[in-house]
Amino acid sequence: MNNHYFADFIMAEEIIQKAEKIKLKRLKKEGNETMLKRQHMTLTLSDVIEGYQNVMSKHGCKENSKEHNHYYAMIVKLSLNQRGKTWRECINIEKIVSSTK
């Protein structure tokens, strides 16, 4: 797997981690104890887009830049491939597919 793919997966993981942190903070603020007790938090595309925007801003990626659009397309592709899988499962599948190219 080349370095470009490796960087993509690092960025995707960072985006998902940020989305989880944002959602967890929101659930705590709402006092949603049922969701907090779940072992695996379910992230919606909206949650991940919020994490994506935060991470892109942190890395100084300008909106509509080539890099910004690349990672946005990657997130959309992962969401389309979910079919009941978690975001991390989709990333792992994509790693396998990418390594065979």
PDB file of N, CA and C in Angstrom:
ATOM      1  N   MET A   1       0.862  -1.175   0.000  1.00  0.00           N
ATOM      2  CA  MET A   1       0.000   0.000   0.000  1.00  0.00           C
ATOM      3  C   MET A   1       0.905   1.234   0.000  1.00  0.00           C
ATOM      4  N   ASN A   2       0.609   2.195  -0.866  1.00  0.00           N
ATOM      5  CA  ASN A   2       1.487   3.357  -0.919  1.00  0.00           C
ATOM      6  C   ASN A   2       1.166   4.357   0.195  1.00  0.00           C
ATOM      7  N   ASN A   3       2.051   5.335   0.373  1.00  0.00           N
ATOM      8  CA  ASN A   3       1.915   6.306   1.462  1.00  0.00           C
ATOM      9  C   ASN A   3       0.649   7.152   1.354  1.00  0.00           C
ATOM     10  N   HIS A   4       0.185   7.391   0.129  1.00  0.00           N
ATOM     11  CA  HIS A   4      -1.029   8.190  -0.053  1.00  0.00           C
ATOM     12  C   HIS A   4      -2.224   7.498   0.606  1.00  0.00           C
ATOM     13  N   TYR A   5      -2.374   6.187   0.350  1.00  0.00           N
ATOM     14  CA  TYR A   5      -3.473   5.438   0.964  1.00  0.00           C
ATOM     15  C   TYR A   5      -3.322   5.404   2.476  1.00  0.00           C
ATOM     16  N   PHE A   6      -2.103   5.212   2.952  1.00  0.00           N
ATOM     17  CA  PHE A   6      -1.847   5.170   4.387  1.00  0.00           C
ATOM     18  C   PHE A   6      -2.290   6.473   5.056  1.00  0.00           C
ATOM     19  N   ALA A   7      -1.949   7.612   4.454  1.00  0.00           N
ATOM     20  CA  ALA A   7      -2.355   8.916   4.994  1.00  0.00           C
ATOM     21  C   ALA A   7      -3.871   9.058   4.990  1.00  0.00           C
ATOM     22  N   ASP A   8      -4.524   8.540   3.959  1.00  0.00           N
ATOM     23  CA  ASP A   8      -5.985   8.603   3.889  1.00  0.00           C
ATOM     24  C   ASP A   8      -6.619   7.892   5.077  1.00  0.00           C
ATOM     25  N   PHE A   9      -6.102   6.721   5.411  1.00  0.00           N
ATOM     26  CA  PHE A   9      -6.689   5.950   6.499  1.00  0.00           C
ATOM     27  C   PHE A   9      -6.403   6.576   7.863  1.00  0.00           C
ATOM     28  N   ILE A  10      -5.255   7.191   8.001  1.00  0.00           N
ATOM     29  CA  ILE A  10      -4.957   7.921   9.242  1.00  0.00           C
ATOM     30  C   ILE A  10      -5.938   9.080   9.399  1.00  0.00           C
ATOM     31  N   MET A  11      -6.174   9.811   8.312  1.00  0.00           N
ATOM     32  CA  MET A  11      -7.105  10.942   8.351  1.00  0.00           C
ATOM     33  C   MET A  11      -8.532  10.456   8.612  1.00  0.00           C
ATOM     34  N   ALA A  12      -8.929   9.363   7.967  1.00  0.00           N
ATOM     35  CA  ALA A  12     -10.276   8.822   8.182  1.00  0.00           C
ATOM     36  C   ALA A  12     -10.473   8.425   9.641  1.00  0.00           C
ATOM     37  N   GLU A  13      -9.478   7.805  10.238  1.00  0.00           N
ATOM     38  CA  GLU A  13      -9.564   7.411  11.643  1.00  0.00           C
ATOM     39  C   GLU A  13      -9.663   8.647  12.541  1.00  0.00           C
ATOM     40  N   GLU A  14      -8.892   9.670  12.236  1.00  0.00           N
ATOM     41  CA  GLU A  14      -8.950  10.903  13.022  1.00  0.00           C
ATOM     42  C   GLU A  14     -10.341  11.534  12.926  1.00  0.00           C
ATOM     43  N   ILE A  15     -10.920  11.519  11.749  1.00  0.00           N
ATOM     44  CA  ILE A  15     -12.265  12.081  11.547  1.00  0.00           C
ATOM     45  C   ILE A  15     -13.294  11.304  12.364  1.00  0.00           C
ATOM     46  N   ILE A  16     -13.219   9.988  12.328  1.00  0.00           N
ATOM     47  CA  ILE A  16     -14.167   9.167  13.081  1.00  0.00           C
ATOM     48  C   ILE A  16     -13.993   9.372  14.580  1.00  0.00           C
ATOM     49  N   GLN A  17     -12.753   9.433  15.051  1.00  0.00           N
ATOM     50  CA  GLN A  17     -12.517   9.683  16.483  1.00  0.00           C
ATOM     51  C   GLN A  17     -13.109  11.023  16.903  1.00  0.00           C
ATOM     52  N   LYS A  18     -12.925  12.040  16.077  1.00  0.00           N
ATOM     53  CA  LYS A  18     -13.463  13.359  16.402  1.00  0.00           C
ATOM     54  C   LYS A  18     -14.984  13.321  16.401  1.00  0.00           C
ATOM     55  N   ALA A  19     -15.577  12.639  15.443  1.00  0.00           N
ATOM     56  CA  ALA A  19     -17.038  12.515  15.387  1.00  0.00           C
ATOM     57  C   ALA A  19     -17.564  11.836  16.651  1.00  0.00           C
ATOM     58  N   GLU A  20     -16.867  10.800  17.115  1.00  0.00           N
ATOM     59  CA  GLU A  20     -17.278  10.114  18.348  1.00  0.00           C
ATOM     60  C   GLU A  20     -17.187  11.046  19.551  1.00  0.00           C
ATOM     61  N   LYS A  21     -16.114  11.814  19.642  1.00  0.00           N
ATOM     62  CA  LYS A  21     -15.943  12.743  20.762  1.00  0.00           C
ATOM     63  C   LYS A  21     -17.035  13.804  20.762  1.00  0.00           C
ATOM     64  N   ILE A  22     -17.341  14.337  19.593  1.00  0.00           N
ATOM     65  CA  ILE A  22     -18.381  15.367  19.477  1.00  0.00           C
ATOM     66  C   ILE A  22     -19.740  14.786  19.876  1.00  0.00           C
ATOM     67  N   LYS A  23     -20.041  13.583  19.369  1.00  0.00           N
ATOM     68  CA  LYS A  23     -21.334  12.966  19.686  1.00  0.00           C
ATOM     69  C   LYS A  23     -21.423  12.629  21.169  1.00  0.00           C
ATOM     70  N   LEU A  24     -20.356  12.108  21.744  1.00  0.00           N
ATOM     71  CA  LEU A  24     -20.341  11.767  23.165  1.00  0.00           C
ATOM     72  C   LEU A  24     -20.581  13.017  24.014  1.00  0.00           C
ATOM     73  N   LYS A  25     -19.928  14.096  23.662  1.00  0.00           N
ATOM     74  CA  LYS A  25     -20.109  15.359  24.384  1.00  0.00           C
ATOM     75  C   LYS A  25     -21.560  15.833  24.285  1.00  0.00           C
ATOM     76  N   ARG A  26     -22.147  15.712  23.082  1.00  0.00           N
ATOM     77  CA  ARG A  26     -23.536  16.131  22.887  1.00  0.00           C
ATOM     78  C   ARG A  26     -24.494  15.252  23.695  1.00  0.00           C
ATOM     79  N   LEU A  27     -24.243  13.934  23.694  1.00  0.00           N
ATOM     80  CA  LEU A  27     -25.102  13.022  24.444  1.00  0.00           C
ATOM     81  C   LEU A  27     -25.019  13.291  25.943  1.00  0.00           C
ATOM     82  N   LYS A  28     -23.823  13.580  26.436  1.00  0.00           N
ATOM     83  CA  LYS A  28     -23.670  13.907  27.856  1.00  0.00           C
ATOM     84  C   LYS A  28     -24.433  15.179  28.195  1.00  0.00           C
ATOM     85  N   LYS A  29     -24.329  16.170  27.326  1.00  0.00           N
ATOM     86  CA  LYS A  29     -25.014  17.445  27.549  1.00  0.00           C
ATOM     87  C   LYS A  29     -26.532  17.244  27.559  1.00  0.00           C
ATOM     88  N   GLU A  30     -27.020  16.361  26.686  1.00  0.00           N
ATOM     89  CA  GLU A  30     -28.456  16.075  26.618  1.00  0.00           C
ATOM     90  C   GLU A  30     -28.908  15.159  27.741  1.00  0.00           C
ATOM     91  N   GLY A  31     -27.965  14.546  28.450  1.00  0.00           N
ATOM     92  CA  GLY A  31     -28.292  13.611  29.520  1.00  0.00           C
ATOM     93  C   GLY A  31     -28.857  12.307  28.992  1.00  0.00           C
ATOM     94  N   ASN A  32     -28.444  11.905  27.823  1.00  0.00           N
ATOM     95  CA  ASN A  32     -28.944  10.691  27.187  1.00  0.00           C
ATOM     96  C   ASN A  32     -28.155   9.488  27.700  1.00  0.00           C
ATOM     97  N   GLU A  33     -28.520   8.995  28.862  1.00  0.00           N
ATOM     98  CA  GLU A  33     -27.805   7.894  29.513  1.00  0.00           C
ATOM     99  C   GLU A  33     -27.918   6.586  28.737  1.00  0.00           C
ATOM    100  N   THR A  34     -29.036   6.349  28.069  1.00  0.00           N
ATOM    101  CA  THR A  34     -29.219   5.109  27.311  1.00  0.00           C
ATOM    102  C   THR A  34     -28.164   4.995  26.222  1.00  0.00           C
ATOM    103  N   MET A  35     -27.965   6.057  25.460  1.00  0.00           N
ATOM    104  CA  MET A  35     -26.974   6.043  24.393  1.00  0.00           C
ATOM    105  C   MET A  35     -25.553   5.959  24.955  1.00  0.00           C
ATOM    106  N   LEU A  36     -25.308   6.607  26.083  1.00  0.00           N
ATOM    107  CA  LEU A  36     -23.974   6.588  26.675  1.00  0.00           C
ATOM    108  C   LEU A  36     -23.570   5.200  27.144  1.00  0.00           C
ATOM    109  N   LYS A  37     -24.545   4.389  27.532  1.00  0.00           N
ATOM    110  CA  LYS A  37     -24.250   3.053  28.052  1.00  0.00           C
ATOM    111  C   LYS A  37     -24.018   2.033  26.940  1.00  0.00           C
ATOM    112  N   ARG A  38     -24.362   2.385  25.718  1.00  0.00           N
ATOM    113  CA  ARG A  38     -24.145   1.468  24.591  1.00  0.00           C
ATOM    114  C   ARG A  38     -22.649   1.242  24.409  1.00  0.00           C
ATOM    115  N   GLN A  39     -22.288   0.002  24.136  1.00  0.00           N
ATOM    116  CA  GLN A  39     -20.871  -0.318  23.962  1.00  0.00           C
ATOM    117  C   GLN A  39     -20.319   0.297  22.684  1.00  0.00           C
ATOM    118  N   HIS A  40     -21.105   0.263  21.621  1.00  0.00           N
ATOM    119  CA  HIS A  40     -20.659   0.798  20.339  1.00  0.00           C
ATOM    120  C   HIS A  40     -21.587   1.946  19.938  1.00  0.00           C
ATOM    121  N   MET A  41     -21.056   3.131  19.942  1.00  0.00           N
ATOM    122  CA  MET A  41     -21.833   4.292  19.564  1.00  0.00           C
ATOM    123  C   MET A  41     -22.047   4.278  18.049  1.00  0.00           C
ATOM    124  N   THR A  42     -23.282   4.472  17.633  1.00  0.00           N
ATOM    125  CA  THR A  42     -23.592   4.525  16.216  1.00  0.00           C
ATOM    126  C   THR A  42     -23.410   5.951  15.723  1.00  0.00           C
ATOM    127  N   LEU A  43     -22.618   6.105  14.696  1.00  0.00           N
ATOM    128  CA  LEU A  43     -22.399   7.423  14.104  1.00  0.00           C
ATOM    129  C   LEU A  43     -23.196   7.531  12.814  1.00  0.00           C
ATOM    130  N   THR A  44     -23.875   8.643  12.651  1.00  0.00           N
ATOM    131  CA  THR A  44     -24.576   8.913  11.403  1.00  0.00           C
ATOM    132  C   THR A  44     -23.613   9.635  10.457  1.00  0.00           C
ATOM    133  N   LEU A  45     -24.003   9.740   9.205  1.00  0.00           N
ATOM    134  CA  LEU A  45     -23.194  10.500   8.252  1.00  0.00           C
ATOM    135  C   LEU A  45     -23.074  11.943   8.733  1.00  0.00           C
ATOM    136  N   SER A  46     -24.130  12.474   9.284  1.00  0.00           N
ATOM    137  CA  SER A  46     -24.107  13.844   9.813  1.00  0.00           C
ATOM    138  C   SER A  46     -23.060  13.991  10.916  1.00  0.00           C
ATOM    139  N   ASP A  47     -22.966  12.995  11.808  1.00  0.00           N
ATOM    140  CA  ASP A  47     -21.951  13.014  12.869  1.00  0.00           C
ATOM    141  C   ASP A  47     -20.551  13.034  12.271  1.00  0.00           C
ATOM    142  N   VAL A  48     -20.332  12.199  11.266  1.00  0.00           N
ATOM    143  CA  VAL A  48     -19.010  12.086  10.654  1.00  0.00           C
ATOM    144  C   VAL A  48     -18.666  13.358   9.882  1.00  0.00           C
ATOM    145  N   ILE A  49     -19.647  13.957   9.221  1.00  0.00           N
ATOM    146  CA  ILE A  49     -19.401  15.219   8.512  1.00  0.00           C
ATOM    147  C   ILE A  49     -19.003  16.308   9.508  1.00  0.00           C
ATOM    148  N   GLU A  50     -19.631  16.313  10.673  1.00  0.00           N
ATOM    149  CA  GLU A  50     -19.263  17.288  11.708  1.00  0.00           C
ATOM    150  C   GLU A  50     -17.817  17.054  12.158  1.00  0.00           C
ATOM    151  N   GLY A  51     -17.437  15.808  12.363  1.00  0.00           N
ATOM    152  CA  GLY A  51     -16.048  15.480  12.713  1.00  0.00           C
ATOM    153  C   GLY A  51     -15.102  15.859  11.595  1.00  0.00           C
ATOM    154  N   TYR A  52     -15.516  15.593  10.363  1.00  0.00           N
ATOM    155  CA  TYR A  52     -14.721  15.923   9.169  1.00  0.00           C
ATOM    156  C   TYR A  52     -14.430  17.420   9.108  1.00  0.00           C
ATOM    157  N   GLN A  53     -15.464  18.231   9.294  1.00  0.00           N
ATOM    158  CA  GLN A  53     -15.290  19.688   9.233  1.00  0.00           C
ATOM    159  C   GLN A  53     -14.323  20.169  10.305  1.00  0.00           C
ATOM    160  N   ASN A  54     -14.430  19.591  11.483  1.00  0.00           N
ATOM    161  CA  ASN A  54     -13.551  19.957  12.590  1.00  0.00           C
ATOM    162  C   ASN A  54     -12.100  19.593  12.288  1.00  0.00           C
ATOM    163  N   VAL A  55     -11.883  18.382  11.800  1.00  0.00           N
ATOM    164  CA  VAL A  55     -10.527  17.906  11.494  1.00  0.00           C
ATOM    165  C   VAL A  55      -9.917  18.693  10.331  1.00  0.00           C
ATOM    166  N   MET A  56     -10.709  18.952   9.302  1.00  0.00           N
ATOM    167  CA  MET A  56     -10.187  19.713   8.160  1.00  0.00           C
ATOM    168  C   MET A  56      -9.761  21.115   8.596  1.00  0.00           C
ATOM    169  N   SER A  57     -10.560  21.712   9.450  1.00  0.00           N
ATOM    170  CA  SER A  57     -10.227  23.039   9.980  1.00  0.00           C
ATOM    171  C   SER A  57      -8.939  22.979  10.800  1.00  0.00           C
ATOM    172  N   LYS A  58      -8.825  21.961  11.631  1.00  0.00           N
ATOM    173  CA  LYS A  58      -7.634  21.778  12.471  1.00  0.00           C
ATOM    174  C   LYS A  58      -6.365  21.664  11.617  1.00  0.00           C
ATOM    175  N   HIS A  59      -6.477  20.969  10.482  1.00  0.00           N
ATOM    176  CA  HIS A  59      -5.328  20.763   9.607  1.00  0.00           C
ATOM    177  C   HIS A  59      -5.124  21.907   8.613  1.00  0.00           C
ATOM    178  N   GLY A  60      -5.970  22.921   8.702  1.00  0.00           N
ATOM    179  CA  GLY A  60      -5.824  24.082   7.831  1.00  0.00           C
ATOM    180  C   GLY A  60      -6.211  23.840   6.383  1.00  0.00           C
ATOM    181  N   CYS A  61      -7.044  22.837   6.147  1.00  0.00           N
ATOM    182  CA  CYS A  61      -7.497  22.558   4.773  1.00  0.00           C
ATOM    183  C   CYS A  61      -8.573  23.567   4.392  1.00  0.00           C
ATOM    184  N   LYS A  62      -8.313  24.272   3.347  1.00  0.00           N
ATOM    185  CA  LYS A  62      -9.269  25.266   2.874  1.00  0.00           C
ATOM    186  C   LYS A  62     -10.428  24.578   2.167  1.00  0.00           C
ATOM    187  N   GLU A  63     -11.636  25.090   2.409  1.00  0.00           N
ATOM    188  CA  GLU A  63     -12.818  24.536   1.764  1.00  0.00           C
ATOM    189  C   GLU A  63     -12.673  24.610   0.251  1.00  0.00           C
ATOM    190  N   ASN A  64     -13.114  23.575  -0.424  1.00  0.00           N
ATOM    191  CA  ASN A  64     -13.053  23.428  -1.885  1.00  0.00           C
ATOM    192  C   ASN A  64     -11.630  23.269  -2.425  1.00  0.00           C
ATOM    193  N   SER A  65     -10.657  23.044  -1.539  1.00  0.00           N
ATOM    194  CA  SER A  65      -9.306  22.734  -2.017  1.00  0.00           C
ATOM    195  C   SER A  65      -9.295  21.285  -2.493  1.00  0.00           C
ATOM    196  N   LYS A  66      -8.284  20.914  -3.225  1.00  0.00           N
ATOM    197  CA  LYS A  66      -8.158  19.545  -3.730  1.00  0.00           C
ATOM    198  C   LYS A  66      -8.147  18.543  -2.567  1.00  0.00           C
ATOM    199  N   GLU A  67      -7.374  18.856  -1.519  1.00  0.00           N
ATOM    200  CA  GLU A  67      -7.276  17.970  -0.355  1.00  0.00           C
ATOM    201  C   GLU A  67      -8.621  17.853   0.364  1.00  0.00           C
ATOM    202  N   HIS A  68      -9.294  18.985   0.557  1.00  0.00           N
ATOM    203  CA  HIS A  68     -10.599  19.027   1.220  1.00  0.00           C
ATOM    204  C   HIS A  68     -11.594  18.151   0.467  1.00  0.00           C
ATOM    205  N   ASN A  69     -11.658  18.320  -0.837  1.00  0.00           N
ATOM    206  CA  ASN A  69     -12.590  17.556  -1.664  1.00  0.00           C
ATOM    207  C   ASN A  69     -12.241  16.066  -1.682  1.00  0.00           C
ATOM    208  N   HIS A  70     -10.951  15.757  -1.661  1.00  0.00           N
ATOM    209  CA  HIS A  70     -10.504  14.360  -1.650  1.00  0.00           C
ATOM    210  C   HIS A  70     -11.036  13.636  -0.409  1.00  0.00           C
ATOM    211  N   TYR A  71     -10.872  14.245   0.761  1.00  0.00           N
ATOM    212  CA  TYR A  71     -11.313  13.597   1.997  1.00  0.00           C
ATOM    213  C   TYR A  71     -12.832  13.577   2.114  1.00  0.00           C
ATOM    214  N   TYR A  72     -13.488  14.587   1.580  1.00  0.00           N
ATOM    215  CA  TYR A  72     -14.955  14.595   1.593  1.00  0.00           C
ATOM    216  C   TYR A  72     -15.470  13.428   0.744  1.00  0.00           C
ATOM    217  N   ALA A  73     -14.875  13.257  -0.433  1.00  0.00           N
ATOM    218  CA  ALA A  73     -15.275  12.146  -1.313  1.00  0.00           C
ATOM    219  C   ALA A  73     -15.014  10.801  -0.633  1.00  0.00           C
ATOM    220  N   MET A  74     -13.917  10.710   0.103  1.00  0.00           N
ATOM    221  CA  MET A  74     -13.596   9.469   0.801  1.00  0.00           C
ATOM    222  C   MET A  74     -14.663   9.155   1.854  1.00  0.00           C
ATOM    223  N   ILE A  75     -15.094  10.157   2.603  1.00  0.00           N
ATOM    224  CA  ILE A  75     -16.124   9.966   3.629  1.00  0.00           C
ATOM    225  C   ILE A  75     -17.440   9.543   2.986  1.00  0.00           C
ATOM    226  N   VAL A  76     -17.803  10.182   1.889  1.00  0.00           N
ATOM    227  CA  VAL A  76     -19.040   9.819   1.188  1.00  0.00           C
ATOM    228  C   VAL A  76     -18.958   8.379   0.680  1.00  0.00           C
ATOM    229  N   LYS A  77     -17.809   7.997   0.116  1.00  0.00           N
ATOM    230  CA  LYS A  77     -17.622   6.627  -0.375  1.00  0.00           C
ATOM    231  C   LYS A  77     -17.769   5.629   0.765  1.00  0.00           C
ATOM    232  N   LEU A  78     -17.154   5.918   1.901  1.00  0.00           N
ATOM    233  CA  LEU A  78     -17.275   5.017   3.056  1.00  0.00           C
ATOM    234  C   LEU A  78     -18.737   4.901   3.491  1.00  0.00           C
ATOM    235  N   SER A  79     -19.461   6.007   3.475  1.00  0.00           N
ATOM    236  CA  SER A  79     -20.867   5.966   3.903  1.00  0.00           C
ATOM    237  C   SER A  79     -21.706   5.121   2.952  1.00  0.00           C
ATOM    238  N   LEU A  80     -21.391   5.174   1.663  1.00  0.00           N
ATOM    239  CA  LEU A  80     -22.137   4.383   0.677  1.00  0.00           C
ATOM    240  C   LEU A  80     -21.842   2.893   0.798  1.00  0.00           C
ATOM    241  N   ASN A  81     -20.675   2.552   1.319  1.00  0.00           N
ATOM    242  CA  ASN A  81     -20.272   1.154   1.463  1.00  0.00           C
ATOM    243  C   ASN A  81     -20.660   0.552   2.811  1.00  0.00           C
ATOM    244  N   GLN A  82     -21.358   1.289   3.645  1.00  0.00           N
ATOM    245  CA  GLN A  82     -21.634   0.805   4.996  1.00  0.00           C
ATOM    246  C   GLN A  82     -22.481  -0.458   5.041  1.00  0.00           C
ATOM    247  N   ARG A  83     -23.633  -0.438   4.479  1.00  0.00           N
ATOM    248  CA  ARG A  83     -24.526  -1.613   4.467  1.00  0.00           C
ATOM    249  C   ARG A  83     -24.547  -2.318   5.824  1.00  0.00           C
ATOM    250  N   GLY A  84     -24.815  -1.571   6.874  1.00  0.00           N
ATOM    251  CA  GLY A  84     -24.911  -2.137   8.213  1.00  0.00           C
ATOM    252  C   GLY A  84     -23.601  -2.271   8.955  1.00  0.00           C
ATOM    253  N   LYS A  85     -22.513  -1.849   8.345  1.00  0.00           N
ATOM    254  CA  LYS A  85     -21.210  -1.947   8.995  1.00  0.00           C
ATOM    255  C   LYS A  85     -20.906  -0.635   9.730  1.00  0.00           C
ATOM    256  N   THR A  86     -19.986  -0.719  10.679  1.00  0.00           N
ATOM    257  CA  THR A  86     -19.546   0.495  11.358  1.00  0.00           C
ATOM    258  C   THR A  86     -18.580   1.236  10.439  1.00  0.00           C
ATOM    259  N   TRP A  87     -18.299   2.477  10.777  1.00  0.00           N
ATOM    260  CA  TRP A  87     -17.355   3.277   9.989  1.00  0.00           C
ATOM    261  C   TRP A  87     -15.981   2.631   9.975  1.00  0.00           C
ATOM    262  N   ARG A  88     -15.542   2.111  11.111  1.00  0.00           N
ATOM    263  CA  ARG A  88     -14.213   1.485  11.174  1.00  0.00           C
ATOM    264  C   ARG A  88     -14.161   0.197  10.346  1.00  0.00           C
ATOM    265  N   GLU A  89     -15.252  -0.565  10.350  1.00  0.00           N
ATOM    266  CA  GLU A  89     -15.294  -1.764   9.503  1.00  0.00           C
ATOM    267  C   GLU A  89     -15.149  -1.368   8.031  1.00  0.00           C
ATOM    268  N   CYS A  90     -15.797  -0.294   7.642  1.00  0.00           N
ATOM    269  CA  CYS A  90     -15.692   0.184   6.256  1.00  0.00           C
ATOM    270  C   CYS A  90     -14.261   0.610   5.927  1.00  0.00           C
ATOM    271  N   ILE A  91     -13.608   1.270   6.864  1.00  0.00           N
ATOM    272  CA  ILE A  91     -12.215   1.668   6.643  1.00  0.00           C
ATOM    273  C   ILE A  91     -11.341   0.431   6.478  1.00  0.00           C
ATOM    274  N   ASN A  92     -11.538  -0.569   7.322  1.00  0.00           N
ATOM    275  CA  ASN A  92     -10.725  -1.791   7.237  1.00  0.00           C
ATOM    276  C   ASN A  92     -10.947  -2.512   5.914  1.00  0.00           C
ATOM    277  N   ILE A  93     -12.174  -2.562   5.447  1.00  0.00           N
ATOM    278  CA  ILE A  93     -12.462  -3.175   4.145  1.00  0.00           C
ATOM    279  C   ILE A  93     -11.772  -2.387   3.041  1.00  0.00           C
ATOM    280  N   GLU A  94     -11.843  -1.079   3.128  1.00  0.00           N
ATOM    281  CA  GLU A  94     -11.217  -0.233   2.111  1.00  0.00           C
ATOM    282  C   GLU A  94      -9.700  -0.411   2.125  1.00  0.00           C
ATOM    283  N   LYS A  95      -9.104  -0.616   3.300  1.00  0.00           N
ATOM    284  CA  LYS A  95      -7.666  -0.877   3.387  1.00  0.00           C
ATOM    285  C   LYS A  95      -7.316  -2.158   2.627  1.00  0.00           C
ATOM    286  N   ILE A  96      -8.125  -3.178   2.801  1.00  0.00           N
ATOM    287  CA  ILE A  96      -7.878  -4.454   2.133  1.00  0.00           C
ATOM    288  C   ILE A  96      -7.996  -4.283   0.620  1.00  0.00           C
ATOM    289  N   VAL A  97      -9.060  -3.615   0.193  1.00  0.00           N
ATOM    290  CA  VAL A  97      -9.275  -3.392  -1.242  1.00  0.00           C
ATOM    291  C   VAL A  97      -8.123  -2.567  -1.825  1.00  0.00           C
ATOM    292  N   SER A  98      -7.719  -1.517  -1.118  1.00  0.00           N
ATOM    293  CA  SER A  98      -6.654  -0.637  -1.605  1.00  0.00           C
ATOM    294  C   SER A  98      -5.305  -1.346  -1.675  1.00  0.00           C
ATOM    295  N   SER A  99      -5.066  -2.266  -0.761  1.00  0.00           N
ATOM    296  CA  SER A  99      -3.781  -2.956  -0.738  1.00  0.00           C
ATOM    297  C   SER A  99      -3.626  -3.936  -1.901  1.00  0.00           C
ATOM    298  N   THR A 100      -4.739  -4.311  -2.509  1.00  0.00           N
ATOM    299  CA  THR A 100      -4.682  -5.259  -3.626  1.00  0.00           C
ATOM    300  C   THR A 100      -4.588  -4.555  -4.981  1.00  0.00           C
ATOM    301  N   LYS A 101      -4.675  -3.232  -4.969  1.00  0.00           N
ATOM    302  CA  LYS A 101      -4.606  -2.465  -6.239  1.00  0.00           C
ATOM    303  C   LYS A 101      -3.197  -2.343  -6.724  1.00  0.00           C
TER     304      LYS A 101
END
